[in-house]
């Protein structure tokens, strides 16, 4: 990734909120003080692997009502589904059919938040562009999760990302931003032993949704991307220990356990 592109991405907000109007979200707070804080928030989850599902799982843990929508033509993801579908309802809807689009439109009218990670322009080509989504539901909070960024039509920025239309996933973005090179011991790129960009981006998306809800925003877009998260994480600096742990994968877990045992034994000896 060239320096001009990196500088342009770095100039953008990590989690970007764009207002489409002044409509306020009508979700009412829980009447019971002991109820989860997001009990009355209704979210449609159109995401797969991994940032989007983690975003919605995080919100579900706070009481939000999540409906995960997947195509009947897509395969199940096995253990990954067991992990990320916790606390959600699931539906199969084929958005390529008139019946499927009609069902989805009905769900949109009653939703507060839409979280989507479709490839660039895919929803637009199915008849659900941001303008059309806000026409269906003016108070909707649309959350876009992408690899390289999907600027909203009202984005107040002079930066044009030439990679915005590309599809991608965590490991590819690690390659593009240099993280894999930094983790390498032999010169060949080595991805991190976990999908760090997916996890961080999912949590940032959840934070953006919570910010919009807390401020009473409706008719707003929340945009996050793996590449912006990567550039931000890189800007935080490095610790030699963390780099060693990343490079040695499972072996590092054994070292951490030994250190923990050593520290615990030392603490017990002092007590």
Protein backbone atom coordinates (compact mmCIF):
# COMPACT_ATOMS: atom_id res chain seq x y z
CA UNK A 1 0.00 0.00 0.00
CA UNK A 2 1.52 3.30 -1.11
CA UNK A 3 2.17 6.21 1.23
CA UNK A 4 -0.42 8.56 -0.39
CA UNK A 5 -3.14 5.93 0.06
CA UNK A 6 -2.06 5.24 3.64
CA UNK A 7 -2.03 8.96 4.45
CA UNK A 8 -5.50 9.40 2.96
CA UNK A 9 -6.90 6.49 4.95
CA UNK A 10 -5.25 7.79 8.11
CA UNK A 11 -6.98 11.15 7.63
CA UNK A 12 -10.39 9.51 7.90
CA UNK A 13 -12.25 8.85 11.14
CA UNK A 14 -11.78 5.39 12.64
CA UNK A 15 -15.54 5.08 13.10
CA UNK A 16 -17.38 7.53 10.87
CA UNK A 17 -20.95 8.72 11.43
CA UNK A 18 -22.74 10.49 8.57
CA UNK A 19 -26.12 12.14 9.12
CA UNK A 20 -28.80 11.67 6.47
CA UNK A 21 -31.30 13.92 8.23
CA UNK A 22 -32.48 15.07 11.65
CA UNK A 23 -34.79 12.13 12.38
CA UNK A 24 -34.49 10.80 15.92
CA UNK A 25 -34.53 7.12 16.70
CA UNK A 26 -37.72 6.16 18.52
CA UNK A 27 -36.40 3.19 20.50
CA UNK A 28 -37.61 3.55 24.09
CA UNK A 29 -35.29 2.79 27.01
CA UNK A 30 -36.02 -0.24 29.19
CA UNK A 31 -38.65 0.53 31.83
CA UNK A 32 -37.06 -1.88 34.30
CA UNK A 33 -33.72 -0.53 35.59
CA UNK A 34 -32.50 -4.12 35.87
CA UNK A 35 -33.18 -4.82 32.18
CA UNK A 36 -30.32 -4.91 29.64
CA UNK A 37 -29.59 -1.41 28.29
CA UNK A 38 -30.33 -2.33 24.64
CA UNK A 39 -33.44 -4.38 25.31
CA UNK A 40 -35.68 -2.49 22.85
CA UNK A 41 -33.10 -2.08 20.06
CA UNK A 42 -33.99 -4.06 16.91
CA UNK A 43 -31.08 -4.98 14.63
CA UNK A 44 -30.89 -6.75 11.28
CA UNK A 45 -27.58 -8.58 10.80
CA UNK A 46 -26.54 -9.09 7.16
CA UNK A 47 -22.97 -10.12 7.86
CA UNK A 48 -20.68 -13.15 7.67
CA UNK A 49 -17.13 -13.75 8.88
CA UNK A 50 -16.19 -12.10 11.22
CA UNK A 51 -16.31 -8.41 12.12
CA UNK A 52 -20.06 -7.99 11.54
CA UNK A 53 -21.15 -11.09 13.46
CA UNK A 54 -18.94 -10.05 16.39
CA UNK A 55 -20.40 -6.54 16.31
CA UNK A 56 -23.94 -7.87 16.54
CA UNK A 57 -22.99 -10.52 19.11
CA UNK A 58 -21.60 -7.74 21.30
CA UNK A 59 -24.86 -5.79 21.03
CA UNK A 60 -26.90 -8.94 21.67
CA UNK A 61 -25.02 -9.41 24.94
CA UNK A 62 -26.44 -6.04 26.01
CA UNK A 63 -30.01 -7.09 25.26
CA UNK A 64 -30.50 -6.01 21.63
CA UNK A 65 -32.89 -8.08 19.54
CA UNK A 66 -30.84 -9.42 16.60
CA UNK A 67 -32.17 -11.13 13.49
CA UNK A 68 -29.37 -12.68 11.46
CA UNK A 69 -30.28 -12.93 7.78
CA UNK A 70 -28.41 -15.26 5.45
CA UNK A 71 -29.03 -16.57 1.96
CA UNK A 72 -30.30 -20.15 1.65
CA UNK A 73 -27.67 -20.65 -1.08
CA UNK A 74 -24.74 -19.99 1.26
CA UNK A 75 -23.13 -22.81 3.27
CA UNK A 76 -23.24 -22.97 7.05
CA UNK A 77 -20.01 -22.05 8.80
CA UNK A 78 -20.09 -24.76 11.46
CA UNK A 79 -18.23 -23.84 14.67
CA UNK A 80 -18.01 -20.19 13.59
CA UNK A 81 -21.80 -19.97 13.45
CA UNK A 82 -22.06 -21.60 16.88
CA UNK A 83 -19.82 -18.86 18.24
CA UNK A 84 -21.20 -15.78 16.48
CA UNK A 85 -24.94 -16.56 16.39
CA UNK A 86 -25.25 -16.60 20.18
CA UNK A 87 -28.24 -14.52 21.28
CA UNK A 88 -29.62 -14.06 17.74
CA UNK A 89 -32.59 -15.26 15.76
CA UNK A 90 -31.84 -16.53 12.25
CA UNK A 91 -33.65 -16.30 8.93
CA UNK A 92 -32.92 -17.42 5.38
CA UNK A 93 -33.93 -14.82 2.79
CA UNK A 94 -32.88 -14.82 -0.84
CA UNK A 95 -32.54 -11.13 -1.73
CA UNK A 96 -32.21 -12.02 -5.41
CA UNK A 97 -35.90 -12.97 -5.57
CA UNK A 98 -38.89 -10.56 -5.47
CA UNK A 99 -40.39 -12.47 -2.54
CA UNK A 100 -37.14 -12.27 -0.59
CA UNK A 101 -36.79 -8.54 -1.22
CA UNK A 102 -40.40 -8.00 -0.13
CA UNK A 103 -39.83 -9.87 3.15
CA UNK A 104 -36.61 -7.95 3.76
CA UNK A 105 -38.37 -4.61 3.15
CA UNK A 106 -40.97 -5.51 5.77
CA UNK A 107 -38.23 -6.27 8.30
CA UNK A 108 -36.48 -2.99 7.48
CA UNK A 109 -39.57 -0.93 8.29
CA UNK A 110 -39.57 -2.26 11.87
CA UNK A 111 -35.81 -2.19 12.46
CA UNK A 112 -33.66 0.38 14.26
CA UNK A 113 -30.28 -0.74 12.92
CA UNK A 114 -29.02 -2.52 9.80
CA UNK A 115 -25.51 -4.00 9.93
CA UNK A 116 -24.19 -5.13 6.54
CA UNK A 117 -20.84 -6.31 5.20
CA UNK A 118 -21.81 -7.13 1.61
CA UNK A 119 -19.17 -6.56 -1.02
CA UNK A 120 -19.15 -3.00 -2.39
CA UNK A 121 -22.32 -2.08 -4.35
CA UNK A 122 -23.91 -5.52 -3.82
CA UNK A 123 -26.88 -4.21 -1.83
CA UNK A 124 -27.22 -1.29 -4.24
CA UNK A 125 -27.51 -3.71 -7.15
CA UNK A 126 -30.24 -5.59 -5.28
CA UNK A 127 -32.29 -2.42 -4.94
CA UNK A 128 -31.20 -1.41 -1.45
CA UNK A 129 -28.90 1.57 -1.88
CA UNK A 130 -28.48 3.92 1.13
CA UNK A 131 -31.02 6.31 -0.39
CA UNK A 132 -33.55 3.51 -0.88
CA UNK A 133 -32.95 2.15 2.62
CA UNK A 134 -33.59 5.56 4.18
CA UNK A 135 -36.71 5.91 2.03
CA UNK A 136 -38.02 2.63 3.46
CA UNK A 137 -37.08 3.62 7.02
CA UNK A 138 -35.95 7.24 7.60
CA UNK A 139 -34.88 6.53 11.19
CA UNK A 140 -32.62 3.60 10.28
CA UNK A 141 -28.99 3.41 11.45
CA UNK A 142 -27.05 1.80 8.59
CA UNK A 143 -23.72 0.26 9.59
CA UNK A 144 -21.32 -0.55 6.75
CA UNK A 145 -18.39 -2.87 7.44
CA UNK A 146 -15.91 -3.26 4.58
CA UNK A 147 -12.33 -4.21 3.85
CA UNK A 148 -11.12 -0.94 2.33
CA UNK A 149 -13.90 1.55 3.09
CA UNK A 150 -17.28 2.48 1.63
CA UNK A 151 -17.67 6.28 1.77
CA UNK A 152 -21.29 7.33 2.14
CA UNK A 153 -22.81 9.69 -0.49
CA UNK A 154 -22.73 12.58 1.99
CA UNK A 155 -19.18 11.96 3.25
CA UNK A 156 -17.47 15.30 3.75
CA UNK A 157 -14.03 14.29 2.54
CA UNK A 158 -11.75 15.14 -0.37
CA UNK A 159 -10.00 11.77 -0.18
CA UNK A 160 -10.96 9.24 -2.85
CA UNK A 161 -9.92 5.70 -1.94
CA UNK A 162 -8.97 3.82 -5.14
CA UNK A 163 -9.32 0.49 -3.30
CA UNK A 164 -12.83 1.11 -1.94
CA UNK A 165 -14.50 -1.23 -4.46
CA UNK A 166 -12.23 -4.19 -3.66
CA UNK A 167 -13.39 -7.19 -1.73
CA UNK A 168 -11.18 -8.44 1.05
CA UNK A 169 -10.81 -10.05 4.43
CA UNK A 170 -8.60 -9.78 7.50
CA UNK A 171 -5.47 -11.57 6.24
CA UNK A 172 -5.49 -9.72 2.91
CA UNK A 173 -5.68 -6.35 4.66
CA UNK A 174 -2.83 -7.43 6.92
CA UNK A 175 -0.83 -8.08 3.75
CA UNK A 176 -1.76 -4.72 2.23
CA UNK A 177 -0.87 -2.69 5.30
CA UNK A 178 2.41 -4.43 6.15
CA UNK A 179 1.41 -6.26 9.33
CA UNK A 180 2.28 -9.64 7.79
CA UNK A 181 5.74 -8.38 6.84
CA UNK A 182 6.37 -7.19 10.38
CA UNK A 183 5.45 -10.61 11.78
CA UNK A 184 7.77 -12.43 9.39
CA UNK A 185 10.98 -14.17 10.45
CA UNK A 186 12.20 -15.26 7.00
CA UNK A 187 10.99 -12.45 4.73
CA UNK A 188 7.83 -14.29 3.65
CA UNK A 189 4.64 -12.57 4.90
CA UNK A 190 3.07 -14.20 7.95
CA UNK A 191 -0.47 -13.28 9.08
CA UNK A 192 -1.23 -12.81 12.76
CA UNK A 193 -2.30 -15.97 14.62
CA UNK A 194 -5.73 -14.40 15.17
CA UNK A 195 -8.11 -12.20 13.14
CA UNK A 196 -7.22 -9.07 15.08
CA UNK A 197 -8.57 -6.64 12.47
CA UNK A 198 -11.94 -8.41 12.34
CA UNK A 199 -12.32 -8.34 16.12
CA UNK A 200 -11.25 -4.72 16.52
CA UNK A 201 -13.39 -3.53 13.59
CA UNK A 202 -16.44 -5.37 14.92
CA UNK A 203 -16.08 -3.70 18.30
CA UNK A 204 -15.56 -0.29 16.68
CA UNK A 205 -18.75 -0.81 14.65
CA UNK A 206 -20.64 -1.64 17.87
CA UNK A 207 -19.23 1.54 19.45
CA UNK A 208 -20.45 3.59 16.48
CA UNK A 209 -23.95 2.14 16.78
CA UNK A 210 -24.02 2.82 20.51
CA UNK A 211 -22.90 6.40 19.91
CA UNK A 212 -25.71 6.95 17.41
CA UNK A 213 -28.28 5.39 19.75
CA UNK A 214 -27.06 7.35 22.77
CA UNK A 215 -27.32 10.63 20.87
CA UNK A 216 -30.78 9.74 19.62
CA UNK A 217 -29.69 9.70 15.99
CA UNK A 218 -31.74 8.12 13.24
CA UNK A 219 -31.14 8.32 9.50
CA UNK A 220 -27.39 7.92 10.04
CA UNK A 221 -24.63 5.81 8.48
CA UNK A 222 -21.83 4.25 10.54
CA UNK A 223 -18.82 3.30 8.42
CA UNK A 224 -15.87 1.18 9.54
CA UNK A 225 -13.25 -0.70 7.55
CA UNK A 226 -10.54 -3.24 8.23
CA UNK A 227 -7.90 -1.09 6.55
CA UNK A 228 -8.66 1.96 8.72
CA UNK A 229 -8.56 -0.20 11.82
CA UNK A 230 -5.23 -1.64 10.69
CA UNK A 231 -3.64 1.78 10.12
CA UNK A 232 -4.94 2.93 13.52
CA UNK A 233 -3.61 -0.14 15.34
CA UNK A 234 -0.23 0.30 13.68
CA UNK A 235 -0.11 3.92 14.83
CA UNK A 236 -0.29 2.77 18.46
CA UNK A 237 3.28 1.46 18.31
CA UNK A 238 4.75 -1.91 19.21
CA UNK A 239 6.18 -3.74 22.17
CA UNK A 240 8.91 -6.31 21.51
CA UNK A 241 7.14 -8.84 23.73
CA UNK A 242 3.88 -8.50 21.76
CA UNK A 243 5.69 -8.94 18.45
CA UNK A 244 7.40 -12.08 19.76
CA UNK A 245 4.06 -13.47 20.94
CA UNK A 246 2.50 -12.82 17.53
CA UNK A 247 5.40 -14.49 15.68
CA UNK A 248 5.41 -17.64 17.81
CA UNK A 249 1.69 -18.35 17.88
CA UNK A 250 0.78 -21.36 20.03
CA UNK A 251 4.24 -21.57 21.53
CA UNK A 252 3.68 -18.12 23.03
CA UNK A 253 0.61 -19.40 24.89
CA UNK A 254 2.81 -21.93 26.72
CA UNK A 255 5.27 -19.18 27.65
CA UNK A 256 2.45 -16.98 28.98
CA UNK A 257 1.16 -19.86 31.09
CA UNK A 258 4.64 -20.44 32.53
CA UNK A 259 5.03 -16.75 33.33
CA UNK A 260 1.61 -16.69 34.98
CA UNK A 261 2.53 -19.75 37.08
CA UNK A 262 5.86 -18.16 38.05
CA UNK A 263 4.20 -14.88 39.05
CA UNK A 264 1.49 -16.70 41.02
CA UNK A 265 4.07 -18.79 42.90
CA UNK A 266 6.07 -15.66 43.70
CA UNK A 267 2.97 -13.88 44.97
CA UNK A 268 2.04 -16.86 47.18
CA UNK A 269 5.59 -16.97 48.59
CA UNK A 270 5.38 -13.31 49.61
CA UNK A 271 2.01 -13.87 51.28
